Amino acid sequence: QVQLVESGGGLVQAGGSLRLSCLVSGRRTFNAYAMGWFRQAPGKEREFVAFIRWNTGGTYYADSVKGRFTVSRDNAKNTAYLQMNSLKPEDTAVYYCAAGAVGGPVWVANQYDYWGQGTQVTVSS
């Protein structure tokens, strides 16, 4: 069973930065996996934020975060990261990491098999 645990959320002022971490456990190798970051604001649907393929490091971003957020992974630590810069109040949401084989569109939530519990990010104006 694969487990994902997010950390790093918190309260930050607009223009500030946060780095989220997603520790992946339960598999000996993650090379066949891809990691996604999603977020859900109150009263809104869960939306795609960023994607990274574990073996190649290939990335993909939602237009709303392109140029501000950077996704990365550390193979030795089995951890994926989401560096968030120039944060805006509209980035406020619960952020989730997800993992799966992802053979289809990376922005579609049902492509991912495993999900973390989420971490709250609040950006004040």
Protein backbone atom coordinates (compact mmCIF):
# COMPACT_ATOMS: atom_id res chain seq x y z
CA GLN A 1 0.00 0.00 0.00
CA VAL A 2 1.39 3.38 -1.03
CA GLN A 3 1.13 6.18 1.48
CA LEU A 4 1.55 9.89 0.83
CA VAL A 5 2.06 12.44 3.59
CA GLU A 6 2.08 16.16 2.84
CA SER A 7 3.66 18.83 4.99
CA GLY A 8 4.72 22.45 4.75
CA GLY A 9 1.42 24.26 4.59
CA GLY A 10 0.69 27.35 6.65
CA LEU A 11 -0.26 30.99 6.67
CA VAL A 12 1.71 33.43 4.54
CA GLN A 13 1.23 36.96 3.31
CA ALA A 14 0.61 37.71 -0.35
CA GLY A 15 3.88 37.73 -2.24
CA GLY A 16 5.43 35.21 0.12
CA SER A 17 6.63 31.66 -0.42
CA LEU A 18 5.99 28.19 0.92
CA ARG A 19 7.39 24.79 0.06
CA LEU A 20 5.18 21.75 0.33
CA SER A 21 6.61 18.27 0.70
CA CYS A 22 5.05 14.92 -0.11
CA LEU A 23 6.75 11.87 1.38
CA VAL A 24 5.93 8.68 -0.48
CA SER A 25 6.27 5.29 1.20
CA GLY A 26 5.16 1.73 0.66
CA ARG A 27 6.98 0.92 -2.56
CA ARG A 28 10.59 0.03 -3.16
CA THR A 29 10.72 1.98 -6.40
CA PHE A 30 8.73 4.88 -7.74
CA ASN A 31 10.22 5.09 -11.21
CA ALA A 32 6.98 4.00 -12.85
CA TYR A 33 5.00 6.59 -10.94
CA ALA A 34 4.09 10.18 -11.51
CA MET A 35 3.22 12.75 -8.89
CA GLY A 36 0.56 15.38 -9.09
CA TRP A 37 -0.35 18.32 -6.93
CA PHE A 38 -3.96 19.41 -6.70
CA ARG A 39 -5.78 21.96 -4.58
CA GLN A 40 -9.29 22.57 -3.38
CA ALA A 41 -10.62 25.87 -2.11
CA PRO A 42 -13.81 26.10 -0.03
CA GLY A 43 -16.87 25.70 -2.21
CA LYS A 44 -14.83 24.88 -5.30
CA GLU A 45 -13.89 21.73 -7.13
CA ARG A 46 -10.49 20.16 -6.78
CA GLU A 47 -8.17 21.57 -9.42
CA PHE A 48 -4.89 20.49 -10.93
CA VAL A 49 -1.77 22.46 -9.99
CA ALA A 50 1.38 20.65 -11.14
CA PHE A 51 2.78 17.31 -12.25
CA ILE A 52 6.14 15.57 -12.31
CA ARG A 53 7.08 12.20 -13.71
CA TRP A 54 9.30 10.42 -11.24
CA ASN A 55 11.76 8.77 -13.63
CA THR A 56 12.28 11.55 -16.20
CA GLY A 57 11.57 14.63 -14.11
CA GLY A 58 9.25 15.92 -16.81
CA THR A 59 6.86 18.57 -15.48
CA TYR A 60 3.58 20.22 -16.37
CA TYR A 61 1.78 23.15 -14.73
CA ALA A 62 -1.61 24.73 -14.62
CA ASP A 63 -1.61 28.12 -16.31
CA SER A 64 -2.64 29.78 -13.05
CA VAL A 65 0.64 28.81 -11.35
CA LYS A 66 3.08 28.70 -14.26
CA GLY A 67 6.13 30.82 -13.52
CA ARG A 68 5.35 30.96 -9.80
CA PHE A 69 5.31 27.31 -8.70
CA THR A 70 7.99 24.70 -9.26
CA VAL A 71 7.55 20.96 -8.77
CA SER A 72 10.53 18.71 -8.09
CA ARG A 73 11.44 15.37 -6.54
CA ASP A 74 14.27 13.87 -4.55
CA ASN A 75 14.66 10.20 -5.42
CA ALA A 76 16.88 9.48 -2.44
CA LYS A 77 14.29 10.84 -0.03
CA ASN A 78 11.22 9.50 -1.86
CA THR A 79 9.83 13.01 -1.60
CA ALA A 80 8.17 15.36 -4.05
CA TYR A 81 8.11 19.11 -3.51
CA LEU A 82 6.02 22.05 -4.59
CA GLN A 83 7.84 25.36 -4.25
CA MET A 84 5.30 28.16 -4.29
CA ASN A 85 6.49 31.73 -4.82
CA SER A 86 4.67 35.01 -5.31
CA LEU A 87 1.66 33.59 -3.55
CA LYS A 88 -1.71 35.24 -4.03
CA PRO A 89 -4.86 35.13 -1.89
CA GLU A 90 -6.51 33.06 -4.62
CA ASP A 91 -3.92 30.33 -4.00
CA THR A 92 -5.58 29.68 -0.64
CA ALA A 93 -6.72 26.04 -0.58
CA VAL A 94 -6.04 22.61 0.79
CA TYR A 95 -3.22 21.17 -1.28
CA TYR A 96 -3.03 17.46 -2.03
CA CYS A 97 -0.31 15.33 -3.55
CA ALA A 98 -1.25 12.27 -5.56
CA ALA A 99 0.58 9.37 -7.17
CA GLY A 100 -0.20 6.94 -9.93
CA ALA A 101 0.89 5.47 -13.22
CA VAL A 102 -0.92 8.36 -15.01
CA GLY A 103 -1.15 7.09 -18.55
CA GLY A 104 -3.70 9.72 -19.50
CA PRO A 105 -4.16 13.47 -19.02
CA VAL A 106 -2.08 14.50 -16.02
CA TRP A 107 -4.61 17.17 -14.97
CA VAL A 108 -7.38 14.64 -14.40
CA ALA A 109 -7.71 13.55 -10.78
CA ASN A 110 -8.93 10.02 -11.50
CA GLN A 111 -5.60 9.26 -13.21
CA TYR A 112 -4.06 9.04 -9.75
CA ASP A 113 -4.42 6.03 -7.48
CA TYR A 114 -3.11 7.35 -4.19
CA TRP A 115 -3.73 10.60 -2.35
CA GLY A 116 -2.35 12.34 0.68
CA GLN A 117 -4.46 13.83 3.45
CA GLY A 118 -3.92 17.42 2.33
CA THR A 119 -2.24 20.44 3.86
CA GLN A 120 -3.80 23.87 4.29
CA VAL A 121 -2.25 26.87 2.57
CA THR A 122 -3.67 30.26 3.48
CA VAL A 123 -2.49 33.44 1.78
CA SER A 124 -3.52 36.70 3.41
CA SER A 125 -3.87 39.95 1.49
